[in-house]
């Protein structure tokens, strides 16, 4: 059995259980995570101008 990524298993869970209302929550969490990661890099001044 091949190893699967966390996002792959999460997508399979959403599809199998027809829990499509979780997709916006997952996308929002991913966007916030990316902003947090980029906030500590050289890209921070460009991110702060968006808000």
PDB file of N, CA and C in Angstrom:
ATOM      1  N   UNK A   1       0.846  -1.182   0.000  1.00  0.00           N
ATOM      2  CA  UNK A   1       0.000   0.000   0.000  1.00  0.00           C
ATOM      3  C   UNK A   1       0.889   1.242   0.000  1.00  0.00           C
ATOM      4  N   UNK A   2       0.625   2.133  -0.902  1.00  0.00           N
ATOM      5  CA  UNK A   2       1.453   3.328  -1.040  1.00  0.00           C
ATOM      6  C   UNK A   2       1.097   4.350   0.032  1.00  0.00           C
ATOM      7  N   UNK A   3       2.117   5.099   0.458  1.00  0.00           N
ATOM      8  CA  UNK A   3       1.873   6.175   1.432  1.00  0.00           C
ATOM      9  C   UNK A   3       1.198   7.332   0.723  1.00  0.00           C
ATOM     10  N   UNK A   4       0.281   7.953   1.424  1.00  0.00           N
ATOM     11  CA  UNK A   4      -0.446   9.075   0.852  1.00  0.00           C
ATOM     12  C   UNK A   4      -0.145  10.324   1.661  1.00  0.00           C
ATOM     13  N   UNK A   5      -0.229  11.441   1.004  1.00  0.00           N
ATOM     14  CA  UNK A   5       0.003  12.697   1.703  1.00  0.00           C
ATOM     15  C   UNK A   5      -1.226  13.047   2.549  1.00  0.00           C
ATOM     16  N   UNK A   6      -1.018  13.961   3.469  1.00  0.00           N
ATOM     17  CA  UNK A   6      -2.109  14.392   4.337  1.00  0.00           C
ATOM     18  C   UNK A   6      -3.223  15.034   3.520  1.00  0.00           C
ATOM     19  N   UNK A   7      -2.849  15.881   2.573  1.00  0.00           N
ATOM     20  CA  UNK A   7      -3.870  16.551   1.766  1.00  0.00           C
ATOM     21  C   UNK A   7      -4.620  15.567   0.877  1.00  0.00           C
ATOM     22  N   UNK A   8      -3.927  14.548   0.386  1.00  0.00           N
ATOM     23  CA  UNK A   8      -4.589  13.527  -0.422  1.00  0.00           C
ATOM     24  C   UNK A   8      -5.618  12.761   0.389  1.00  0.00           C
ATOM     25  N   UNK A   9      -5.251  12.388   1.601  1.00  0.00           N
ATOM     26  CA  UNK A   9      -6.194  11.676   2.457  1.00  0.00           C
ATOM     27  C   UNK A   9      -7.352  12.579   2.874  1.00  0.00           C
ATOM     28  N   UNK A  10      -7.071  13.850   3.127  1.00  0.00           N
ATOM     29  CA  UNK A  10      -8.127  14.783   3.491  1.00  0.00           C
ATOM     30  C   UNK A  10      -9.122  14.955   2.345  1.00  0.00           C
ATOM     31  N   UNK A  11      -8.607  15.058   1.125  1.00  0.00           N
ATOM     32  CA  UNK A  11      -9.484  15.188  -0.040  1.00  0.00           C
ATOM     33  C   UNK A  11     -10.324  13.927  -0.221  1.00  0.00           C
ATOM     34  N   UNK A  12      -9.730  12.763  -0.033  1.00  0.00           N
ATOM     35  CA  UNK A  12     -10.489  11.515  -0.131  1.00  0.00           C
ATOM     36  C   UNK A  12     -11.578  11.450   0.938  1.00  0.00           C
ATOM     37  N   UNK A  13     -11.277  11.923   2.144  1.00  0.00           N
ATOM     38  CA  UNK A  13     -12.271  11.961   3.214  1.00  0.00           C
ATOM     39  C   UNK A  13     -13.442  12.863   2.835  1.00  0.00           C
ATOM     40  N   UNK A  14     -13.139  14.050   2.313  1.00  0.00           N
ATOM     41  CA  UNK A  14     -14.191  14.995   1.934  1.00  0.00           C
ATOM     42  C   UNK A  14     -15.054  14.398   0.834  1.00  0.00           C
ATOM     43  N   UNK A  15     -14.409  13.767  -0.135  1.00  0.00           N
ATOM     44  CA  UNK A  15     -15.151  13.199  -1.257  1.00  0.00           C
ATOM     45  C   UNK A  15     -15.989  11.997  -0.812  1.00  0.00           C
ATOM     46  N   UNK A  16     -15.437  11.114  -0.002  1.00  0.00           N
ATOM     47  CA  UNK A  16     -16.149   9.907   0.422  1.00  0.00           C
ATOM     48  C   UNK A  16     -17.327  10.226   1.331  1.00  0.00           C
ATOM     49  N   UNK A  17     -17.175  11.211   2.201  1.00  0.00           N
ATOM     50  CA  UNK A  17     -18.242  11.555   3.143  1.00  0.00           C
ATOM     51  C   UNK A  17     -19.129  12.691   2.662  1.00  0.00           C
ATOM     52  N   UNK A  18     -18.866  13.157   1.442  1.00  0.00           N
ATOM     53  CA  UNK A  18     -19.636  14.265   0.862  1.00  0.00           C
ATOM     54  C   UNK A  18     -19.688  15.461   1.816  1.00  0.00           C
ATOM     55  N   UNK A  19     -18.544  15.771   2.386  1.00  0.00           N
ATOM     56  CA  UNK A  19     -18.424  16.880   3.335  1.00  0.00           C
ATOM     57  C   UNK A  19     -17.825  18.091   2.628  1.00  0.00           C
ATOM     58  N   UNK A  20     -18.478  18.538   1.574  1.00  0.00           N
ATOM     59  CA  UNK A  20     -17.945  19.623   0.754  1.00  0.00           C
ATOM     60  C   UNK A  20     -17.927  20.954   1.488  1.00  0.00           C
ATOM     61  N   UNK A  21     -18.658  21.058   2.599  1.00  0.00           N
ATOM     62  CA  UNK A  21     -18.644  22.305   3.350  1.00  0.00           C
ATOM     63  C   UNK A  21     -17.310  22.522   4.056  1.00  0.00           C
ATOM     64  N   UNK A  22     -16.466  21.488   4.116  1.00  0.00           N
ATOM     65  CA  UNK A  22     -15.147  21.628   4.735  1.00  0.00           C
ATOM     66  C   UNK A  22     -14.120  22.254   3.788  1.00  0.00           C
ATOM     67  N   UNK A  23     -14.392  22.248   2.496  1.00  0.00           N
ATOM     68  CA  UNK A  23     -13.414  22.757   1.522  1.00  0.00           C
ATOM     69  C   UNK A  23     -13.081  24.230   1.772  1.00  0.00           C
ATOM     70  N   UNK A  24     -14.047  25.138   1.959  1.00  0.00           N
ATOM     71  CA  UNK A  24     -13.677  26.535   2.238  1.00  0.00           C
ATOM     72  C   UNK A  24     -12.861  26.701   3.518  1.00  0.00           C
ATOM     73  N   UNK A  25     -13.159  25.900   4.531  1.00  0.00           N
ATOM     74  CA  UNK A  25     -12.407  25.973   5.782  1.00  0.00           C
ATOM     75  C   UNK A  25     -10.964  25.541   5.547  1.00  0.00           C
ATOM     76  N   UNK A  26     -10.770  24.474   4.805  1.00  0.00           N
ATOM     77  CA  UNK A  26      -9.435  23.971   4.513  1.00  0.00           C
ATOM     78  C   UNK A  26      -8.647  24.984   3.694  1.00  0.00           C
ATOM     79  N   UNK A  27      -9.295  25.576   2.698  1.00  0.00           N
ATOM     80  CA  UNK A  27      -8.620  26.579   1.863  1.00  0.00           C
ATOM     81  C   UNK A  27      -8.240  27.800   2.699  1.00  0.00           C
ATOM     82  N   UNK A  28      -9.123  28.244   3.564  1.00  0.00           N
ATOM     83  CA  UNK A  28      -8.825  29.402   4.418  1.00  0.00           C
ATOM     84  C   UNK A  28      -7.648  29.102   5.341  1.00  0.00           C
ATOM     85  N   UNK A  29      -7.612  27.906   5.917  1.00  0.00           N
ATOM     86  CA  UNK A  29      -6.488  27.537   6.782  1.00  0.00           C
ATOM     87  C   UNK A  29      -5.184  27.476   6.009  1.00  0.00           C
ATOM     88  N   UNK A  30      -5.223  26.974   4.789  1.00  0.00           N
ATOM     89  CA  UNK A  30      -4.010  26.932   3.969  1.00  0.00           C
ATOM     90  C   UNK A  30      -3.523  28.336   3.624  1.00  0.00           C
ATOM     91  N   UNK A  31      -4.442  29.240   3.309  1.00  0.00           N
ATOM     92  CA  UNK A  31      -4.059  30.622   2.976  1.00  0.00           C
ATOM     93  C   UNK A  31      -3.450  31.301   4.199  1.00  0.00           C
ATOM     94  N   UNK A  32      -4.053  31.128   5.358  1.00  0.00           N
ATOM     95  CA  UNK A  32      -3.509  31.722   6.583  1.00  0.00           C
ATOM     96  C   UNK A  32      -2.127  31.148   6.883  1.00  0.00           C
ATOM     97  N   UNK A  33      -1.966  29.851   6.695  1.00  0.00           N
ATOM     98  CA  UNK A  33      -0.661  29.225   6.907  1.00  0.00           C
ATOM     99  C   UNK A  33       0.400  29.777   5.981  1.00  0.00           C
ATOM    100  N   UNK A  34       0.045  29.972   4.720  1.00  0.00           N
ATOM    101  CA  UNK A  34       1.010  30.534   3.759  1.00  0.00           C
ATOM    102  C   UNK A  34       1.366  31.957   4.144  1.00  0.00           C
ATOM    103  N   UNK A  35       0.378  32.738   4.573  1.00  0.00           N
ATOM    104  CA  UNK A  35       0.669  34.115   4.987  1.00  0.00           C
ATOM    105  C   UNK A  35       1.562  34.155   6.213  1.00  0.00           C
ATOM    106  N   UNK A  36       1.378  33.229   7.132  1.00  0.00           N
ATOM    107  CA  UNK A  36       2.238  33.185   8.323  1.00  0.00           C
ATOM    108  C   UNK A  36       3.662  32.834   7.935  1.00  0.00           C
ATOM    109  N   UNK A  37       3.808  31.868   7.050  1.00  0.00           N
ATOM    110  CA  UNK A  37       5.151  31.465   6.617  1.00  0.00           C
ATOM    111  C   UNK A  37       5.829  32.610   5.865  1.00  0.00           C
ATOM    112  N   UNK A  38       5.096  33.248   4.967  1.00  0.00           N
ATOM    113  CA  UNK A  38       5.688  34.336   4.195  1.00  0.00           C
ATOM    114  C   UNK A  38       5.908  35.590   5.040  1.00  0.00           C
ATOM    115  N   UNK A  39       5.213  35.699   6.155  1.00  0.00           N
ATOM    116  CA  UNK A  39       5.384  36.855   7.032  1.00  0.00           C
ATOM    117  C   UNK A  39       6.766  36.912   7.661  1.00  0.00           C
ATOM    118  N   UNK A  40       7.441  35.791   7.743  1.00  0.00           N
ATOM    119  CA  UNK A  40       8.774  35.758   8.333  1.00  0.00           C
ATOM    120  C   UNK A  40       9.879  35.774   7.298  1.00  0.00           C
ATOM    121  N   UNK A  41       9.546  36.043   6.056  1.00  0.00           N
ATOM    122  CA  UNK A  41      10.555  36.040   4.997  1.00  0.00           C
ATOM    123  C   UNK A  41      10.741  37.457   4.442  1.00  0.00           C
ATOM    124  N   UNK A  42      11.501  37.549   3.376  1.00  0.00           N
ATOM    125  CA  UNK A  42      11.730  38.832   2.719  1.00  0.00           C
ATOM    126  C   UNK A  42      10.483  39.352   2.025  1.00  0.00           C
ATOM    127  N   UNK A  43       9.468  38.500   1.859  1.00  0.00           N
ATOM    128  CA  UNK A  43       8.235  38.918   1.196  1.00  0.00           C
ATOM    129  C   UNK A  43       7.283  39.646   2.129  1.00  0.00           C
ATOM    130  N   UNK A  44       7.613  39.772   3.408  1.00  0.00           N
ATOM    131  CA  UNK A  44       6.713  40.365   4.400  1.00  0.00           C
ATOM    132  C   UNK A  44       6.263  41.779   4.037  1.00  0.00           C
ATOM    133  N   UNK A  45       7.142  42.678   3.602  1.00  0.00           N
ATOM    134  CA  UNK A  45       6.652  44.028   3.286  1.00  0.00           C
ATOM    135  C   UNK A  45       5.615  44.044   2.174  1.00  0.00           C
ATOM    136  N   UNK A  46       5.700  43.092   1.252  1.00  0.00           N
ATOM    137  CA  UNK A  46       4.719  43.048   0.154  1.00  0.00           C
ATOM    138  C   UNK A  46       3.392  42.480   0.633  1.00  0.00           C
ATOM    139  N   UNK A  47       3.422  41.587   1.606  1.00  0.00           N
ATOM    140  CA  UNK A  47       2.188  41.026   2.142  1.00  0.00           C
ATOM    141  C   UNK A  47       1.454  42.064   2.970  1.00  0.00           C
ATOM    142  N   UNK A  48       2.183  42.848   3.747  1.00  0.00           N
ATOM    143  CA  UNK A  48       1.545  43.843   4.603  1.00  0.00           C
ATOM    144  C   UNK A  48       0.844  44.928   3.787  1.00  0.00           C
ATOM    145  N   UNK A  49       1.290  45.180   2.571  1.00  0.00           N
ATOM    146  CA  UNK A  49       0.622  46.178   1.736  1.00  0.00           C
ATOM    147  C   UNK A  49      -0.729  45.678   1.245  1.00  0.00           C
ATOM    148  N   UNK A  50      -0.962  44.368   1.264  1.00  0.00           N
ATOM    149  CA  UNK A  50      -2.257  43.842   0.850  1.00  0.00           C
ATOM    150  C   UNK A  50      -3.345  44.158   1.858  1.00  0.00           C
ATOM    151  N   UNK A  51      -2.951  44.332   3.110  1.00  0.00           N
ATOM    152  CA  UNK A  51      -3.936  44.571   4.159  1.00  0.00           C
ATOM    153  C   UNK A  51      -3.868  46.015   4.576  1.00  0.00           C
TER     154      UNK A  51
END
